[in-house]
Amino acid sequence: MMPYRAATEFSYSRMWSIHPSQIKPILHAMSPRNAEINQAALIISQARDALWGPIQHNGVLHNRASYRYYWMILKRAKLSGMAIPDWVNTLLLHECTTTPKTLRCK
């Protein structure tokens, strides 16, 4: 559980010098939790429906800056092999840029 604490409490975002036996625990710790994935999918869904304008979700205002944060959660989930909604997978496949800053799919 130490890598999870390092990632969440100390903002470590990368692996540096590690032993091969540490790879799987570190990948697990750096992967988003299911609750984070679900919240990110809901917020990105609402944002997409609002044509990427500002939205309110559970009393919190979200805009393009927070969309980029939630977009990266979904990308990390996909790269970690975690389950994501099909429509999110489609968005990520078409890669509406690296993050939804221009918000135009290729």
PDB file of N, CA and C in Angstrom:
ATOM      1  N   MET A   1       0.821  -1.196   0.000  1.00  0.00           N
ATOM      2  CA  MET A   1       0.000   0.000   0.000  1.00  0.00           C
ATOM      3  C   MET A   1       0.864   1.259   0.000  1.00  0.00           C
ATOM      4  N   MET A   2       2.147   1.125   0.220  1.00  0.00           N
ATOM      5  CA  MET A   2       3.028   2.283   0.250  1.00  0.00           C
ATOM      6  C   MET A   2       3.051   3.049  -1.075  1.00  0.00           C
ATOM      7  N   PRO A   3       3.113   2.401  -2.257  1.00  0.00           N
ATOM      8  CA  PRO A   3       3.108   3.174  -3.502  1.00  0.00           C
ATOM      9  C   PRO A   3       1.835   4.003  -3.669  1.00  0.00           C
ATOM     10  N   TYR A   4       0.671   3.473  -3.226  1.00  0.00           N
ATOM     11  CA  TYR A   4      -0.572   4.239  -3.326  1.00  0.00           C
ATOM     12  C   TYR A   4      -0.463   5.514  -2.497  1.00  0.00           C
ATOM     13  N   ARG A   5       0.079   5.387  -1.297  1.00  0.00           N
ATOM     14  CA  ARG A   5       0.251   6.556  -0.433  1.00  0.00           C
ATOM     15  C   ARG A   5       1.209   7.561  -1.075  1.00  0.00           C
ATOM     16  N   ALA A   6       2.292   7.047  -1.669  1.00  0.00           N
ATOM     17  CA  ALA A   6       3.248   7.928  -2.337  1.00  0.00           C
ATOM     18  C   ALA A   6       2.574   8.678  -3.479  1.00  0.00           C
ATOM     19  N   ALA A   7       1.717   7.983  -4.220  1.00  0.00           N
ATOM     20  CA  ALA A   7       1.042   8.609  -5.359  1.00  0.00           C
ATOM     21  C   ALA A   7       0.004   9.622  -4.910  1.00  0.00           C
ATOM     22  N   THR A   8      -0.779   9.287  -3.885  1.00  0.00           N
ATOM     23  CA  THR A   8      -1.891  10.162  -3.502  1.00  0.00           C
ATOM     24  C   THR A   8      -1.502  11.250  -2.514  1.00  0.00           C
ATOM     25  N   GLU A   9      -0.651  10.918  -1.544  1.00  0.00           N
ATOM     26  CA  GLU A   9      -0.311  11.906  -0.522  1.00  0.00           C
ATOM     27  C   GLU A   9       0.891  12.769  -0.882  1.00  0.00           C
ATOM     28  N   PHE A  10       1.810  12.202  -1.648  1.00  0.00           N
ATOM     29  CA  PHE A  10       3.039  12.926  -1.949  1.00  0.00           C
ATOM     30  C   PHE A  10       3.176  13.299  -3.419  1.00  0.00           C
ATOM     31  N   SER A  11       2.160  12.983  -4.205  1.00  0.00           N
ATOM     32  CA  SER A  11       2.084  13.366  -5.619  1.00  0.00           C
ATOM     33  C   SER A  11       3.179  12.778  -6.489  1.00  0.00           C
ATOM     34  N   TYR A  12       3.736  11.641  -6.092  1.00  0.00           N
ATOM     35  CA  TYR A  12       4.684  10.979  -6.984  1.00  0.00           C
ATOM     36  C   TYR A  12       3.925  10.500  -8.205  1.00  0.00           C
ATOM     37  N   SER A  13       4.468  10.743  -9.365  1.00  0.00           N
ATOM     38  CA  SER A  13       3.762  10.373 -10.586  1.00  0.00           C
ATOM     39  C   SER A  13       4.555   9.420 -11.468  1.00  0.00           C
ATOM     40  N   ARG A  14       5.736   9.043 -11.042  1.00  0.00           N
ATOM     41  CA  ARG A  14       6.556   8.173 -11.882  1.00  0.00           C
ATOM     42  C   ARG A  14       7.299   7.158 -11.029  1.00  0.00           C
ATOM     43  N   MET A  15       7.819   6.153 -11.708  1.00  0.00           N
ATOM     44  CA  MET A  15       8.668   5.154 -11.059  1.00  0.00           C
ATOM     45  C   MET A  15      10.118   5.498 -11.400  1.00  0.00           C
ATOM     46  N   TRP A  16      10.992   5.440 -10.428  1.00  0.00           N
ATOM     47  CA  TRP A  16      12.390   5.732 -10.694  1.00  0.00           C
ATOM     48  C   TRP A  16      13.194   4.439 -10.604  1.00  0.00           C
ATOM     49  N   SER A  17      13.932   4.230  -9.564  1.00  0.00           N
ATOM     50  CA  SER A  17      14.719   2.997  -9.416  1.00  0.00           C
ATOM     51  C   SER A  17      13.871   1.986  -8.666  1.00  0.00           C
ATOM     52  N   ILE A  18      13.523   0.920  -9.370  1.00  0.00           N
ATOM     53  CA  ILE A  18      12.663  -0.085  -8.751  1.00  0.00           C
ATOM     54  C   ILE A  18      13.175  -1.477  -9.059  1.00  0.00           C
ATOM     55  N   HIS A  19      12.808  -2.396  -8.223  1.00  0.00           N
ATOM     56  CA  HIS A  19      13.120  -3.804  -8.429  1.00  0.00           C
ATOM     57  C   HIS A  19      11.981  -4.401  -9.249  1.00  0.00           C
ATOM     58  N   PRO A  20      12.249  -5.366 -10.119  1.00  0.00           N
ATOM     59  CA  PRO A  20      11.176  -5.957 -10.932  1.00  0.00           C
ATOM     60  C   PRO A  20       9.975  -6.459 -10.128  1.00  0.00           C
ATOM     61  N   SER A  21      10.196  -6.902  -8.910  1.00  0.00           N
ATOM     62  CA  SER A  21       9.077  -7.388  -8.095  1.00  0.00           C
ATOM     63  C   SER A  21       8.159  -6.251  -7.643  1.00  0.00           C
ATOM     64  N   GLN A  22       8.613  -5.007  -7.796  1.00  0.00           N
ATOM     65  CA  GLN A  22       7.821  -3.860  -7.378  1.00  0.00           C
ATOM     66  C   GLN A  22       6.920  -3.322  -8.496  1.00  0.00           C
ATOM     67  N   ILE A  23       7.085  -3.807  -9.708  1.00  0.00           N
ATOM     68  CA  ILE A  23       6.367  -3.223 -10.845  1.00  0.00           C
ATOM     69  C   ILE A  23       4.862  -3.353 -10.701  1.00  0.00           C
ATOM     70  N   LYS A  24       4.366  -4.571 -10.465  1.00  0.00           N
ATOM     71  CA  LYS A  24       2.913  -4.754 -10.376  1.00  0.00           C
ATOM     72  C   LYS A  24       2.289  -3.955  -9.237  1.00  0.00           C
ATOM     73  N   PRO A  25       2.861  -3.959  -8.022  1.00  0.00           N
ATOM     74  CA  PRO A  25       2.263  -3.134  -6.960  1.00  0.00           C
ATOM     75  C   PRO A  25       2.269  -1.635  -7.290  1.00  0.00           C
ATOM     76  N   ILE A  26       3.314  -1.176  -7.951  1.00  0.00           N
ATOM     77  CA  ILE A  26       3.386   0.243  -8.307  1.00  0.00           C
ATOM     78  C   ILE A  26       2.349   0.568  -9.373  1.00  0.00           C
ATOM     79  N   LEU A  27       2.237  -0.288 -10.401  1.00  0.00           N
ATOM     80  CA  LEU A  27       1.221  -0.046 -11.435  1.00  0.00           C
ATOM     81  C   LEU A  27      -0.180  -0.033 -10.829  1.00  0.00           C
ATOM     82  N   HIS A  28      -0.429  -0.940  -9.894  1.00  0.00           N
ATOM     83  CA  HIS A  28      -1.732  -0.978  -9.234  1.00  0.00           C
ATOM     84  C   HIS A  28      -1.964   0.311  -8.437  1.00  0.00           C
ATOM     85  N   ALA A  29      -0.948   0.753  -7.721  1.00  0.00           N
ATOM     86  CA  ALA A  29      -1.080   1.960  -6.905  1.00  0.00           C
ATOM     87  C   ALA A  29      -1.272   3.211  -7.752  1.00  0.00           C
ATOM     88  N   MET A  30      -0.655   3.256  -8.927  1.00  0.00           N
ATOM     89  CA  MET A  30      -0.743   4.444  -9.773  1.00  0.00           C
ATOM     90  C   MET A  30      -1.996   4.456 -10.648  1.00  0.00           C
ATOM     91  N   SER A  31      -2.725   3.346 -10.669  1.00  0.00           N
ATOM     92  CA  SER A  31      -3.953   3.276 -11.456  1.00  0.00           C
ATOM     93  C   SER A  31      -5.073   3.971 -10.704  1.00  0.00           C
ATOM     94  N   PRO A  32      -5.972   4.637 -11.438  1.00  0.00           N
ATOM     95  CA  PRO A  32      -7.096   5.288 -10.751  1.00  0.00           C
ATOM     96  C   PRO A  32      -8.035   4.261 -10.127  1.00  0.00           C
ATOM     97  N   ARG A  33      -8.694   4.649  -9.068  1.00  0.00           N
ATOM     98  CA  ARG A  33      -9.671   3.795  -8.409  1.00  0.00           C
ATOM     99  C   ARG A  33     -10.973   3.818  -9.205  1.00  0.00           C
ATOM    100  N   ASN A  34     -11.800   2.783  -9.025  1.00  0.00           N
ATOM    101  CA  ASN A  34     -13.064   2.694  -9.757  1.00  0.00           C
ATOM    102  C   ASN A  34     -13.953   3.910  -9.512  1.00  0.00           C
ATOM    103  N   ALA A  35     -13.980   4.408  -8.288  1.00  0.00           N
ATOM    104  CA  ALA A  35     -14.793   5.591  -7.978  1.00  0.00           C
ATOM    105  C   ALA A  35     -14.310   6.803  -8.784  1.00  0.00           C
ATOM    106  N   GLU A  36     -12.992   6.942  -8.940  1.00  0.00           N
ATOM    107  CA  GLU A  36     -12.432   8.040  -9.734  1.00  0.00           C
ATOM    108  C   GLU A  36     -12.824   7.897 -11.207  1.00  0.00           C
ATOM    109  N   ILE A  37     -12.769   6.666 -11.707  1.00  0.00           N
ATOM    110  CA  ILE A  37     -13.126   6.420 -13.105  1.00  0.00           C
ATOM    111  C   ILE A  37     -14.598   6.743 -13.340  1.00  0.00           C
ATOM    112  N   ASN A  38     -15.453   6.293 -12.433  1.00  0.00           N
ATOM    113  CA  ASN A  38     -16.889   6.563 -12.572  1.00  0.00           C
ATOM    114  C   ASN A  38     -17.186   8.055 -12.527  1.00  0.00           C
ATOM    115  N   GLN A  39     -16.560   8.768 -11.580  1.00  0.00           N
ATOM    116  CA  GLN A  39     -16.773  10.205 -11.484  1.00  0.00           C
ATOM    117  C   GLN A  39     -16.262  10.908 -12.742  1.00  0.00           C
ATOM    118  N   ALA A  40     -15.088  10.519 -13.209  1.00  0.00           N
ATOM    119  CA  ALA A  40     -14.527  11.132 -14.417  1.00  0.00           C
ATOM    120  C   ALA A  40     -15.437  10.894 -15.620  1.00  0.00           C
ATOM    121  N   ALA A  41     -15.957   9.680 -15.759  1.00  0.00           N
ATOM    122  CA  ALA A  41     -16.850   9.376 -16.880  1.00  0.00           C
ATOM    123  C   ALA A  41     -18.120  10.210 -16.808  1.00  0.00           C
ATOM    124  N   LEU A  42     -18.682  10.364 -15.611  1.00  0.00           N
ATOM    125  CA  LEU A  42     -19.896  11.188 -15.471  1.00  0.00           C
ATOM    126  C   LEU A  42     -19.635  12.645 -15.842  1.00  0.00           C
ATOM    127  N   ILE A  43     -18.530  13.172 -15.347  1.00  0.00           N
ATOM    128  CA  ILE A  43     -18.219  14.585 -15.613  1.00  0.00           C
ATOM    129  C   ILE A  43     -17.914  14.802 -17.089  1.00  0.00           C
ATOM    130  N   ILE A  44     -17.137  13.936 -17.694  1.00  0.00           N
ATOM    131  CA  ILE A  44     -16.831  14.073 -19.126  1.00  0.00           C
ATOM    132  C   ILE A  44     -18.107  13.907 -19.953  1.00  0.00           C
ATOM    133  N   SER A  45     -18.994  13.014 -19.545  1.00  0.00           N
ATOM    134  CA  SER A  45     -20.265  12.834 -20.252  1.00  0.00           C
ATOM    135  C   SER A  45     -21.106  14.103 -20.201  1.00  0.00           C
ATOM    136  N   GLN A  46     -21.224  14.692 -19.010  1.00  0.00           N
ATOM    137  CA  GLN A  46     -21.982  15.939 -18.875  1.00  0.00           C
ATOM    138  C   GLN A  46     -21.320  17.070 -19.664  1.00  0.00           C
ATOM    139  N   ALA A  47     -20.000  17.109 -19.640  1.00  0.00           N
ATOM    140  CA  ALA A  47     -19.269  18.145 -20.371  1.00  0.00           C
ATOM    141  C   ALA A  47     -19.503  18.010 -21.868  1.00  0.00           C
ATOM    142  N   ARG A  48     -19.438  16.788 -22.355  1.00  0.00           N
ATOM    143  CA  ARG A  48     -19.675  16.543 -23.780  1.00  0.00           C
ATOM    144  C   ARG A  48     -21.088  16.972 -24.167  1.00  0.00           C
ATOM    145  N   ASP A  49     -22.075  16.635 -23.317  1.00  0.00           N
ATOM    146  CA  ASP A  49     -23.460  17.031 -23.578  1.00  0.00           C
ATOM    147  C   ASP A  49     -23.633  18.548 -23.575  1.00  0.00           C
ATOM    148  N   ALA A  50     -22.805  19.236 -22.785  1.00  0.00           N
ATOM    149  CA  ALA A  50     -22.857  20.702 -22.709  1.00  0.00           C
ATOM    150  C   ALA A  50     -21.912  21.344 -23.728  1.00  0.00           C
ATOM    151  N   LEU A  51     -21.477  20.560 -24.716  1.00  0.00           N
ATOM    152  CA  LEU A  51     -20.542  21.041 -25.750  1.00  0.00           C
ATOM    153  C   LEU A  51     -19.288  21.638 -25.124  1.00  0.00           C
ATOM    154  N   TRP A  52     -18.835  21.000 -24.060  1.00  0.00           N
ATOM    155  CA  TRP A  52     -17.608  21.336 -23.348  1.00  0.00           C
ATOM    156  C   TRP A  52     -17.639  22.702 -22.665  1.00  0.00           C
ATOM    157  N   GLY A  53     -18.836  23.229 -22.464  1.00  0.00           N
ATOM    158  CA  GLY A  53     -18.977  24.449 -21.662  1.00  0.00           C
ATOM    159  C   GLY A  53     -18.952  24.076 -20.184  1.00  0.00           C
ATOM    160  N   PRO A  54     -18.990  25.073 -19.306  1.00  0.00           N
ATOM    161  CA  PRO A  54     -18.977  24.795 -17.868  1.00  0.00           C
ATOM    162  C   PRO A  54     -20.213  23.993 -17.445  1.00  0.00           C
ATOM    163  N   ILE A  55     -20.022  23.122 -16.463  1.00  0.00           N
ATOM    164  CA  ILE A  55     -21.124  22.328 -15.906  1.00  0.00           C
ATOM    165  C   ILE A  55     -21.033  22.358 -14.387  1.00  0.00           C
ATOM    166  N   GLN A  56     -22.102  21.899 -13.774  1.00  0.00           N
ATOM    167  CA  GLN A  56     -22.100  21.705 -12.325  1.00  0.00           C
ATOM    168  C   GLN A  56     -22.365  20.232 -12.067  1.00  0.00           C
ATOM    169  N   HIS A  57     -21.541  19.631 -11.230  1.00  0.00           N
ATOM    170  CA  HIS A  57     -21.701  18.214 -10.880  1.00  0.00           C
ATOM    171  C   HIS A  57     -21.600  18.096  -9.368  1.00  0.00           C
ATOM    172  N   ASN A  58     -22.664  17.627  -8.742  1.00  0.00           N
ATOM    173  CA  ASN A  58     -22.718  17.502  -7.282  1.00  0.00           C
ATOM    174  C   ASN A  58     -22.346  18.803  -6.574  1.00  0.00           C
ATOM    175  N   GLY A  59     -22.843  19.909  -7.110  1.00  0.00           N
ATOM    176  CA  GLY A  59     -22.616  21.206  -6.481  1.00  0.00           C
ATOM    177  C   GLY A  59     -21.250  21.815  -6.729  1.00  0.00           C
ATOM    178  N   VAL A  60     -20.454  21.211  -7.620  1.00  0.00           N
ATOM    179  CA  VAL A  60     -19.116  21.724  -7.924  1.00  0.00           C
ATOM    180  C   VAL A  60     -19.066  22.148  -9.388  1.00  0.00           C
ATOM    181  N   LEU A  61     -18.544  23.346  -9.626  1.00  0.00           N
ATOM    182  CA  LEU A  61     -18.400  23.862 -10.988  1.00  0.00           C
ATOM    183  C   LEU A  61     -17.207  23.192 -11.655  1.00  0.00           C
ATOM    184  N   HIS A  62     -17.399  22.765 -12.895  1.00  0.00           N
ATOM    185  CA  HIS A  62     -16.309  22.181 -13.684  1.00  0.00           C
ATOM    186  C   HIS A  62     -16.221  22.908 -15.015  1.00  0.00           C
ATOM    187  N   ASN A  63     -14.995  23.059 -15.494  1.00  0.00           N
ATOM    188  CA  ASN A  63     -14.761  23.710 -16.784  1.00  0.00           C
ATOM    189  C   ASN A  63     -13.641  22.961 -17.501  1.00  0.00           C
ATOM    190  N   ARG A  64     -13.117  23.548 -18.545  1.00  0.00           N
ATOM    191  CA  ARG A  64     -12.112  22.858 -19.351  1.00  0.00           C
ATOM    192  C   ARG A  64     -10.878  22.436 -18.556  1.00  0.00           C
ATOM    193  N   ALA A  65     -10.509  23.213 -17.563  1.00  0.00           N
ATOM    194  CA  ALA A  65      -9.347  22.827 -16.746  1.00  0.00           C
ATOM    195  C   ALA A  65      -9.628  21.526 -16.002  1.00  0.00           C
ATOM    196  N   SER A  66     -10.780  21.420 -15.386  1.00  0.00           N
ATOM    197  CA  SER A  66     -11.078  20.178 -14.676  1.00  0.00           C
ATOM    198  C   SER A  66     -11.378  19.044 -15.651  1.00  0.00           C
ATOM    199  N   TYR A  67     -11.884  19.364 -16.844  1.00  0.00           N
ATOM    200  CA  TYR A  67     -12.106  18.310 -17.848  1.00  0.00           C
ATOM    201  C   TYR A  67     -10.791  17.646 -18.220  1.00  0.00           C
ATOM    202  N   ARG A  68      -9.730  18.441 -18.332  1.00  0.00           N
ATOM    203  CA  ARG A  68      -8.418  17.868 -18.647  1.00  0.00           C
ATOM    204  C   ARG A  68      -7.973  16.907 -17.550  1.00  0.00           C
ATOM    205  N   TYR A  69      -8.221  17.272 -16.304  1.00  0.00           N
ATOM    206  CA  TYR A  69      -7.870  16.399 -15.173  1.00  0.00           C
ATOM    207  C   TYR A  69      -8.632  15.076 -15.268  1.00  0.00           C
ATOM    208  N   TYR A  70      -9.938  15.142 -15.472  1.00  0.00           N
ATOM    209  CA  TYR A  70     -10.744  13.925 -15.541  1.00  0.00           C
ATOM    210  C   TYR A  70     -10.451  13.128 -16.804  1.00  0.00           C
ATOM    211  N   TRP A  71     -10.104  13.824 -17.888  1.00  0.00           N
ATOM    212  CA  TRP A  71      -9.707  13.139 -19.126  1.00  0.00           C
ATOM    213  C   TRP A  71      -8.476  12.280 -18.871  1.00  0.00           C
ATOM    214  N   MET A  72      -7.516  12.837 -18.125  1.00  0.00           N
ATOM    215  CA  MET A  72      -6.280  12.100 -17.840  1.00  0.00           C
ATOM    216  C   MET A  72      -6.551  10.898 -16.926  1.00  0.00           C
ATOM    217  N   ILE A  73      -7.514  11.014 -16.033  1.00  0.00           N
ATOM    218  CA  ILE A  73      -7.897   9.857 -15.218  1.00  0.00           C
ATOM    219  C   ILE A  73      -8.383   8.738 -16.129  1.00  0.00           C
ATOM    220  N   LEU A  74      -9.224   9.086 -17.098  1.00  0.00           N
ATOM    221  CA  LEU A  74      -9.750   8.076 -18.016  1.00  0.00           C
ATOM    222  C   LEU A  74      -8.634   7.487 -18.887  1.00  0.00           C
ATOM    223  N   LYS A  75      -7.696   8.318 -19.322  1.00  0.00           N
ATOM    224  CA  LYS A  75      -6.570   7.809 -20.111  1.00  0.00           C
ATOM    225  C   LYS A  75      -5.713   6.862 -19.277  1.00  0.00           C
ATOM    226  N   ARG A  76      -5.442   7.230 -18.013  1.00  0.00           N
ATOM    227  CA  ARG A  76      -4.655   6.356 -17.142  1.00  0.00           C
ATOM    228  C   ARG A  76      -5.369   5.030 -16.923  1.00  0.00           C
ATOM    229  N   ALA A  77      -6.684   5.090 -16.767  1.00  0.00           N
ATOM    230  CA  ALA A  77      -7.455   3.862 -16.570  1.00  0.00           C
ATOM    231  C   ALA A  77      -7.321   2.958 -17.795  1.00  0.00           C
ATOM    232  N   LYS A  78      -7.455   3.552 -18.971  1.00  0.00           N
ATOM    233  CA  LYS A  78      -7.348   2.758 -20.200  1.00  0.00           C
ATOM    234  C   LYS A  78      -5.951   2.156 -20.342  1.00  0.00           C
ATOM    235  N   LEU A  79      -4.931   2.961 -20.115  1.00  0.00           N
ATOM    236  CA  LEU A  79      -3.554   2.479 -20.235  1.00  0.00           C
ATOM    237  C   LEU A  79      -3.229   1.413 -19.193  1.00  0.00           C
ATOM    238  N   SER A  80      -3.932   1.443 -18.067  1.00  0.00           N
ATOM    239  CA  SER A  80      -3.728   0.448 -17.018  1.00  0.00           C
ATOM    240  C   SER A  80      -4.519  -0.826 -17.271  1.00  0.00           C
ATOM    241  N   GLY A  81      -5.325  -0.832 -18.347  1.00  0.00           N
ATOM    242  CA  GLY A  81      -6.121  -2.012 -18.663  1.00  0.00           C
ATOM    243  C   GLY A  81      -7.390  -2.131 -17.853  1.00  0.00           C
ATOM    244  N   MET A  82      -7.808  -1.036 -17.244  1.00  0.00           N
ATOM    245  CA  MET A  82      -9.027  -1.062 -16.434  1.00  0.00           C
ATOM    246  C   MET A  82     -10.251  -0.901 -17.326  1.00  0.00           C
ATOM    247  N   ALA A  83     -11.391  -1.317 -16.826  1.00  0.00           N
ATOM    248  CA  ALA A  83     -12.632  -1.194 -17.583  1.00  0.00           C
ATOM    249  C   ALA A  83     -13.091   0.264 -17.618  1.00  0.00           C
ATOM    250  N   ILE A  84     -13.401   0.732 -18.810  1.00  0.00           N
ATOM    251  CA  ILE A  84     -13.971   2.069 -18.979  1.00  0.00           C
ATOM    252  C   ILE A  84     -15.190   1.924 -19.884  1.00  0.00           C
ATOM    253  N   PRO A  85     -16.143   2.862 -19.773  1.00  0.00           N
ATOM    254  CA  PRO A  85     -17.330   2.779 -20.630  1.00  0.00           C
ATOM    255  C   PRO A  85     -16.953   2.801 -22.113  1.00  0.00           C
ATOM    256  N   ASP A  86     -17.737   2.103 -22.935  1.00  0.00           N
ATOM    257  CA  ASP A  86     -17.454   2.023 -24.374  1.00  0.00           C
ATOM    258  C   ASP A  86     -17.366   3.391 -25.026  1.00  0.00           C
ATOM    259  N   TRP A  87     -18.291   4.299 -24.659  1.00  0.00           N
ATOM    260  CA  TRP A  87     -18.281   5.617 -25.295  1.00  0.00           C
ATOM    261  C   TRP A  87     -17.010   6.386 -24.931  1.00  0.00           C
ATOM    262  N   VAL A  88     -16.476   6.163 -23.720  1.00  0.00           N
ATOM    263  CA  VAL A  88     -15.218   6.811 -23.328  1.00  0.00           C
ATOM    264  C   VAL A  88     -14.078   6.229 -24.154  1.00  0.00           C
ATOM    265  N   ASN A  89     -14.096   4.925 -24.325  1.00  0.00           N
ATOM    266  CA  ASN A  89     -13.080   4.272 -25.142  1.00  0.00           C
ATOM    267  C   ASN A  89     -13.099   4.831 -26.563  1.00  0.00           C
ATOM    268  N   THR A  90     -14.297   5.064 -27.094  1.00  0.00           N
ATOM    269  CA  THR A  90     -14.413   5.644 -28.436  1.00  0.00           C
ATOM    270  C   THR A  90     -13.805   7.042 -28.478  1.00  0.00           C
ATOM    271  N   LEU A  91     -14.082   7.862 -27.462  1.00  0.00           N
ATOM    272  CA  LEU A  91     -13.482   9.197 -27.411  1.00  0.00           C
ATOM    273  C   LEU A  91     -11.964   9.110 -27.359  1.00  0.00           C
ATOM    274  N   LEU A  92     -11.472   8.212 -26.516  1.00  0.00           N
ATOM    275  CA  LEU A  92     -10.015   8.078 -26.382  1.00  0.00           C
ATOM    276  C   LEU A  92      -9.386   7.534 -27.657  1.00  0.00           C
ATOM    277  N   LEU A  93     -10.091   6.636 -28.347  1.00  0.00           N
ATOM    278  CA  LEU A  93      -9.563   6.101 -29.606  1.00  0.00           C
ATOM    279  C   LEU A  93      -9.433   7.188 -30.659  1.00  0.00           C
ATOM    280  N   HIS A  94     -10.426   8.057 -30.714  1.00  0.00           N
ATOM    281  CA  HIS A  94     -10.384   9.146 -31.690  1.00  0.00           C
ATOM    282  C   HIS A  94      -9.561  10.315 -31.188  1.00  0.00           C
ATOM    283  N   GLU A  95      -9.154  10.200 -29.935  1.00  0.00           N
ATOM    284  CA  GLU A  95      -8.247  11.166 -29.323  1.00  0.00           C
ATOM    285  C   GLU A  95      -8.593  12.598 -29.697  1.00  0.00           C
ATOM    286  N   CYS A  96      -9.586  13.111 -29.022  1.00  0.00           N
ATOM    287  CA  CYS A  96      -9.992  14.507 -29.222  1.00  0.00           C
ATOM    288  C   CYS A  96      -8.859  15.378 -28.684  1.00  0.00           C
ATOM    289  N   THR A  97      -7.731  15.334 -29.322  1.00  0.00           N
ATOM    290  CA  THR A  97      -6.443  15.886 -28.917  1.00  0.00           C
ATOM    291  C   THR A  97      -5.970  15.128 -27.680  1.00  0.00           C
ATOM    292  N   THR A  98      -4.814  15.461 -27.170  1.00  0.00           N
ATOM    293  CA  THR A  98      -4.291  14.770 -25.997  1.00  0.00           C
ATOM    294  C   THR A  98      -5.218  14.964 -24.816  1.00  0.00           C
ATOM    295  N   THR A  99      -5.732  16.147 -24.680  1.00  0.00           N
ATOM    296  CA  THR A  99      -6.744  16.460 -23.677  1.00  0.00           C
ATOM    297  C   THR A  99      -7.807  17.287 -24.389  1.00  0.00           C
ATOM    298  N   PRO A 100      -8.974  17.421 -23.796  1.00  0.00           N
ATOM    299  CA  PRO A 100     -10.021  18.159 -24.505  1.00  0.00           C
ATOM    300  C   PRO A 100      -9.828  19.667 -24.464  1.00  0.00           C
ATOM    301  N   LYS A 101      -8.661  20.163 -24.907  1.00  0.00           N
ATOM    302  CA  LYS A 101      -8.455  21.613 -24.894  1.00  0.00           C
ATOM    303  C   LYS A 101      -9.022  22.252 -26.156  1.00  0.00           C
ATOM    304  N   THR A 102      -8.849  21.615 -27.312  1.00  0.00           N
ATOM    305  CA  THR A 102      -9.478  22.139 -28.512  1.00  0.00           C
ATOM    306  C   THR A 102     -10.829  21.485 -28.717  1.00  0.00           C
ATOM    307  N   LEU A 103     -10.970  20.296 -28.152  1.00  0.00           N
ATOM    308  CA  LEU A 103     -12.240  19.587 -28.128  1.00  0.00           C
ATOM    309  C   LEU A 103     -12.808  19.324 -29.498  1.00  0.00           C
ATOM    310  N   ARG A 104     -11.938  19.030 -30.440  1.00  0.00           N
ATOM    311  CA  ARG A 104     -12.358  18.615 -31.778  1.00  0.00           C
ATOM    312  C   ARG A 104     -11.701  17.281 -32.080  1.00  0.00           C
ATOM    313  N   CYS A 105     -12.517  16.291 -32.346  1.00  0.00           N
ATOM    314  CA  CYS A 105     -11.949  14.979 -32.675  1.00  0.00           C
ATOM    315  C   CYS A 105     -11.362  15.012 -34.069  1.00  0.00           C
ATOM    316  N   LYS A 106     -10.325  14.205 -34.257  1.00  0.00           N
ATOM    317  CA  LYS A 106      -9.671  14.108 -35.565  1.00  0.00           C
ATOM    318  C   LYS A 106     -10.498  13.225 -36.474  1.00  0.00           C
TER     319      LYS A 106
END
